[in-house]
Amino acid sequence: MGIQTETTTIQIRLMLFASLRELAGHSEERLSLSGPQSVGSVRALLAARGDRWNNALLDSTRVRAALNQQLANEQTTLSDGDELAFFPPVTGG
């Protein structure tokens, strides 16, 4: 008999702001992800949607990430039910 592995699926709420919202044509979507994922792996998954997505998300210093409304780095791990947001840095005056 072969070894069976159980694949965990998590659901997250993806929020997109500013130019990313315009690119996607919507501000949020639900994503089903297999197994544990990091912010960086979700960024790569979105970048794989095509050149415009890749160009928009490629530089993590130009597009920041927040997990459950707290700044997150590329290695931060997502859990089922989390909210992940991508947004450009905000400047003020």
N, C-alpha and C. Protein backbone atom coordinates (compact mmCIF):
# COMPACT_ATOMS: atom_id res chain seq x y z
N MET A 1 0.83 -1.18 0.00
CA MET A 1 0.00 0.00 0.00
C MET A 1 0.87 1.24 0.00
N GLY A 2 0.45 2.24 -0.73
CA GLY A 2 1.17 3.51 -0.78
C GLY A 2 0.87 4.36 0.44
N ILE A 3 1.71 5.29 0.66
CA ILE A 3 1.51 6.22 1.77
C ILE A 3 0.56 7.31 1.30
N GLN A 4 -0.46 7.55 2.11
CA GLN A 4 -1.41 8.61 1.79
C GLN A 4 -1.08 9.82 2.65
N THR A 5 -1.07 10.97 2.01
CA THR A 5 -0.86 12.20 2.75
C THR A 5 -2.12 13.04 2.67
N GLU A 6 -2.44 13.67 3.75
CA GLU A 6 -3.63 14.50 3.79
C GLU A 6 -3.24 15.93 3.43
N THR A 7 -3.93 16.50 2.46
CA THR A 7 -3.67 17.87 2.06
C THR A 7 -4.68 18.77 2.75
N THR A 8 -4.18 19.72 3.48
CA THR A 8 -5.03 20.68 4.17
C THR A 8 -5.33 21.83 3.22
N THR A 9 -6.57 22.25 3.20
CA THR A 9 -6.95 23.40 2.40
C THR A 9 -7.35 24.52 3.35
N ILE A 10 -6.83 25.70 3.07
CA ILE A 10 -7.23 26.86 3.86
C ILE A 10 -7.91 27.87 2.94
N GLN A 11 -8.81 28.63 3.51
CA GLN A 11 -9.52 29.69 2.80
C GLN A 11 -9.06 31.01 3.39
N ILE A 12 -8.69 31.95 2.52
CA ILE A 12 -8.32 33.28 3.00
C ILE A 12 -9.11 34.33 2.22
N ARG A 13 -9.19 35.50 2.82
CA ARG A 13 -9.81 36.66 2.17
C ARG A 13 -8.66 37.53 1.68
N LEU A 14 -8.59 37.75 0.39
CA LEU A 14 -7.56 38.57 -0.22
C LEU A 14 -8.13 39.95 -0.49
N MET A 15 -7.44 40.97 0.02
CA MET A 15 -7.85 42.36 -0.18
C MET A 15 -6.81 43.04 -1.06
N LEU A 16 -7.27 43.79 -2.05
CA LEU A 16 -6.38 44.49 -2.97
C LEU A 16 -6.70 45.98 -2.93
N PHE A 17 -5.67 46.81 -2.87
CA PHE A 17 -5.87 48.25 -2.75
C PHE A 17 -5.16 49.00 -3.87
N ALA A 18 -5.66 50.19 -4.14
CA ALA A 18 -5.06 51.14 -5.10
C ALA A 18 -4.92 50.50 -6.49
N SER A 19 -3.71 50.54 -7.07
CA SER A 19 -3.50 50.06 -8.44
C SER A 19 -3.78 48.56 -8.57
N LEU A 20 -3.60 47.79 -7.49
CA LEU A 20 -3.90 46.35 -7.55
C LEU A 20 -5.40 46.11 -7.68
N ARG A 21 -6.19 46.93 -7.01
CA ARG A 21 -7.64 46.82 -7.12
C ARG A 21 -8.07 47.12 -8.56
N GLU A 22 -7.45 48.14 -9.14
CA GLU A 22 -7.77 48.49 -10.54
C GLU A 22 -7.35 47.37 -11.49
N LEU A 23 -6.20 46.78 -11.24
CA LEU A 23 -5.71 45.68 -12.07
C LEU A 23 -6.66 44.48 -12.03
N ALA A 24 -7.11 44.14 -10.83
CA ALA A 24 -7.98 42.97 -10.66
C ALA A 24 -9.42 43.25 -11.07
N GLY A 25 -9.82 44.51 -10.96
CA GLY A 25 -11.21 44.84 -11.26
C GLY A 25 -12.12 44.61 -10.07
N HIS A 26 -11.54 44.33 -8.91
CA HIS A 26 -12.31 44.15 -7.68
C HIS A 26 -11.37 44.35 -6.48
N SER A 27 -11.95 44.59 -5.34
CA SER A 27 -11.14 44.90 -4.17
C SER A 27 -10.89 43.69 -3.27
N GLU A 28 -11.66 42.64 -3.45
CA GLU A 28 -11.43 41.45 -2.63
C GLU A 28 -11.87 40.19 -3.34
N GLU A 29 -11.27 39.10 -2.90
CA GLU A 29 -11.66 37.79 -3.41
C GLU A 29 -11.33 36.74 -2.36
N ARG A 30 -11.92 35.60 -2.49
CA ARG A 30 -11.63 34.46 -1.62
C ARG A 30 -10.67 33.55 -2.36
N LEU A 31 -9.67 33.07 -1.66
CA LEU A 31 -8.72 32.14 -2.24
C LEU A 31 -8.71 30.85 -1.43
N SER A 32 -8.71 29.72 -2.12
CA SER A 32 -8.51 28.42 -1.49
C SER A 32 -7.08 28.01 -1.77
N LEU A 33 -6.35 27.73 -0.73
CA LEU A 33 -4.93 27.38 -0.86
C LEU A 33 -4.70 26.01 -0.26
N SER A 34 -3.85 25.23 -0.91
CA SER A 34 -3.54 23.91 -0.36
C SER A 34 -2.35 24.02 0.58
N GLY A 35 -2.51 23.41 1.73
CA GLY A 35 -1.42 23.35 2.70
C GLY A 35 -1.07 24.69 3.28
N PRO A 36 -0.12 24.71 4.17
CA PRO A 36 0.33 25.98 4.73
C PRO A 36 0.99 26.82 3.64
N GLN A 37 0.68 28.09 3.63
CA GLN A 37 1.24 29.01 2.64
C GLN A 37 1.82 30.21 3.37
N SER A 38 2.77 30.85 2.74
CA SER A 38 3.34 32.08 3.28
C SER A 38 2.83 33.26 2.45
N VAL A 39 3.03 34.45 2.98
CA VAL A 39 2.69 35.66 2.22
C VAL A 39 3.43 35.65 0.89
N GLY A 40 4.70 35.27 0.90
CA GLY A 40 5.51 35.23 -0.32
C GLY A 40 4.98 34.25 -1.34
N SER A 41 4.48 33.09 -0.88
CA SER A 41 3.96 32.11 -1.83
C SER A 41 2.64 32.58 -2.45
N VAL A 42 1.83 33.32 -1.69
CA VAL A 42 0.60 33.87 -2.27
C VAL A 42 0.95 34.98 -3.26
N ARG A 43 1.96 35.79 -2.93
CA ARG A 43 2.42 36.82 -3.87
C ARG A 43 2.85 36.16 -5.17
N ALA A 44 3.61 35.07 -5.10
CA ALA A 44 4.07 34.35 -6.30
C ALA A 44 2.89 33.76 -7.07
N LEU A 45 1.92 33.22 -6.36
CA LEU A 45 0.72 32.66 -6.99
C LEU A 45 -0.02 33.74 -7.78
N LEU A 46 -0.17 34.92 -7.19
CA LEU A 46 -0.85 36.02 -7.88
C LEU A 46 -0.01 36.53 -9.05
N ALA A 47 1.30 36.62 -8.87
CA ALA A 47 2.19 37.09 -9.94
C ALA A 47 2.13 36.17 -11.15
N ALA A 48 1.84 34.89 -10.91
CA ALA A 48 1.76 33.91 -12.01
C ALA A 48 0.51 34.11 -12.87
N ARG A 49 -0.38 35.00 -12.48
CA ARG A 49 -1.58 35.27 -13.28
C ARG A 49 -1.27 35.96 -14.59
N GLY A 50 -0.08 36.52 -14.72
CA GLY A 50 0.29 37.17 -15.98
C GLY A 50 1.25 38.32 -15.75
N ASP A 51 1.73 38.88 -16.86
CA ASP A 51 2.74 39.92 -16.81
C ASP A 51 2.32 41.14 -15.99
N ARG A 52 1.09 41.59 -16.15
CA ARG A 52 0.65 42.77 -15.40
C ARG A 52 0.67 42.50 -13.90
N TRP A 53 0.23 41.31 -13.49
CA TRP A 53 0.26 40.94 -12.08
C TRP A 53 1.71 40.81 -11.60
N ASN A 54 2.52 40.18 -12.41
CA ASN A 54 3.93 39.99 -12.04
C ASN A 54 4.61 41.34 -11.85
N ASN A 55 4.42 42.24 -12.79
CA ASN A 55 5.02 43.57 -12.69
C ASN A 55 4.51 44.33 -11.47
N ALA A 56 3.24 44.19 -11.16
CA ALA A 56 2.64 44.90 -10.04
C ALA A 56 3.13 44.38 -8.69
N LEU A 57 3.37 43.07 -8.60
CA LEU A 57 3.69 42.45 -7.32
C LEU A 57 5.16 42.10 -7.12
N LEU A 58 5.94 42.19 -8.18
CA LEU A 58 7.32 41.71 -8.16
C LEU A 58 8.15 42.29 -7.01
N ASP A 59 8.08 43.57 -6.81
CA ASP A 59 8.92 44.24 -5.83
C ASP A 59 8.18 44.36 -4.50
N SER A 60 8.59 43.58 -3.50
CA SER A 60 7.90 43.60 -2.21
C SER A 60 8.10 44.91 -1.45
N THR A 61 9.03 45.76 -1.91
CA THR A 61 9.17 47.06 -1.27
C THR A 61 8.19 48.07 -1.86
N ARG A 62 7.70 47.79 -3.08
CA ARG A 62 6.69 48.67 -3.70
C ARG A 62 5.29 48.29 -3.31
N VAL A 63 5.06 47.02 -3.04
CA VAL A 63 3.73 46.54 -2.65
C VAL A 63 3.89 45.80 -1.32
N ARG A 64 3.31 46.37 -0.29
CA ARG A 64 3.40 45.81 1.05
C ARG A 64 2.29 44.80 1.29
N ALA A 65 2.46 44.01 2.34
CA ALA A 65 1.46 43.02 2.72
C ALA A 65 1.08 43.21 4.18
N ALA A 66 -0.19 42.96 4.47
CA ALA A 66 -0.67 42.97 5.84
C ALA A 66 -1.50 41.71 6.06
N LEU A 67 -1.27 41.06 7.17
CA LEU A 67 -2.03 39.87 7.53
C LEU A 67 -2.87 40.22 8.74
N ASN A 68 -4.17 40.13 8.58
CA ASN A 68 -5.10 40.48 9.65
C ASN A 68 -4.81 41.89 10.19
N GLN A 69 -4.57 42.80 9.25
CA GLN A 69 -4.38 44.23 9.50
C GLN A 69 -3.09 44.56 10.26
N GLN A 70 -2.10 43.66 10.18
CA GLN A 70 -0.78 43.90 10.75
C GLN A 70 0.25 43.68 9.64
N LEU A 71 1.22 44.59 9.51
CA LEU A 71 2.24 44.41 8.48
C LEU A 71 2.86 43.03 8.59
N ALA A 72 3.10 42.41 7.45
CA ALA A 72 3.63 41.05 7.42
C ALA A 72 4.80 40.97 6.45
N ASN A 73 5.74 40.08 6.73
CA ASN A 73 6.85 39.86 5.80
C ASN A 73 6.55 38.65 4.93
N GLU A 74 7.42 38.37 4.01
CA GLU A 74 7.20 37.31 3.02
C GLU A 74 7.14 35.92 3.64
N GLN A 75 7.74 35.74 4.81
CA GLN A 75 7.78 34.42 5.44
C GLN A 75 6.60 34.17 6.38
N THR A 76 5.79 35.17 6.63
CA THR A 76 4.65 35.02 7.54
C THR A 76 3.71 33.96 7.00
N THR A 77 3.31 33.03 7.87
CA THR A 77 2.45 31.91 7.48
C THR A 77 0.98 32.27 7.66
N LEU A 78 0.18 31.88 6.68
CA LEU A 78 -1.26 32.12 6.69
C LEU A 78 -1.99 30.96 7.33
N SER A 79 -3.11 31.27 7.96
CA SER A 79 -3.98 30.25 8.54
C SER A 79 -5.37 30.38 7.94
N ASP A 80 -6.16 29.35 8.10
CA ASP A 80 -7.53 29.35 7.60
C ASP A 80 -8.29 30.55 8.18
N GLY A 81 -8.98 31.28 7.32
CA GLY A 81 -9.79 32.42 7.73
C GLY A 81 -9.06 33.74 7.80
N ASP A 82 -7.76 33.74 7.51
CA ASP A 82 -6.99 34.98 7.57
C ASP A 82 -7.40 35.95 6.46
N GLU A 83 -7.09 37.23 6.70
CA GLU A 83 -7.26 38.28 5.71
C GLU A 83 -5.87 38.76 5.31
N LEU A 84 -5.57 38.65 4.03
CA LEU A 84 -4.29 39.09 3.49
C LEU A 84 -4.54 40.25 2.56
N ALA A 85 -3.85 41.36 2.81
CA ALA A 85 -4.01 42.56 1.98
C ALA A 85 -2.69 42.92 1.33
N PHE A 86 -2.75 43.34 0.07
CA PHE A 86 -1.59 43.89 -0.64
C PHE A 86 -1.91 45.33 -0.98
N PHE A 87 -0.94 46.22 -0.74
CA PHE A 87 -1.16 47.65 -0.98
C PHE A 87 0.18 48.35 -1.19
N PRO A 88 0.15 49.46 -1.93
CA PRO A 88 1.37 50.25 -2.10
C PRO A 88 1.67 51.00 -0.82
N PRO A 89 2.94 51.35 -0.59
CA PRO A 89 3.27 52.12 0.62
C PRO A 89 2.51 53.45 0.62
N VAL A 90 2.11 53.88 1.77
CA VAL A 90 1.35 55.11 1.92
C VAL A 90 2.32 56.21 2.36
N THR A 91 2.23 57.33 1.67
CA THR A 91 3.04 58.49 2.08
C THR A 91 2.11 59.62 2.44
N GLY A 92 2.55 60.44 3.29
CA GLY A 92 1.72 61.56 3.71
C GLY A 92 2.50 62.86 3.68
N GLY A 93 1.83 63.90 3.92
CA GLY A 93 2.51 65.20 3.90
C GLY A 93 1.93 66.12 4.92
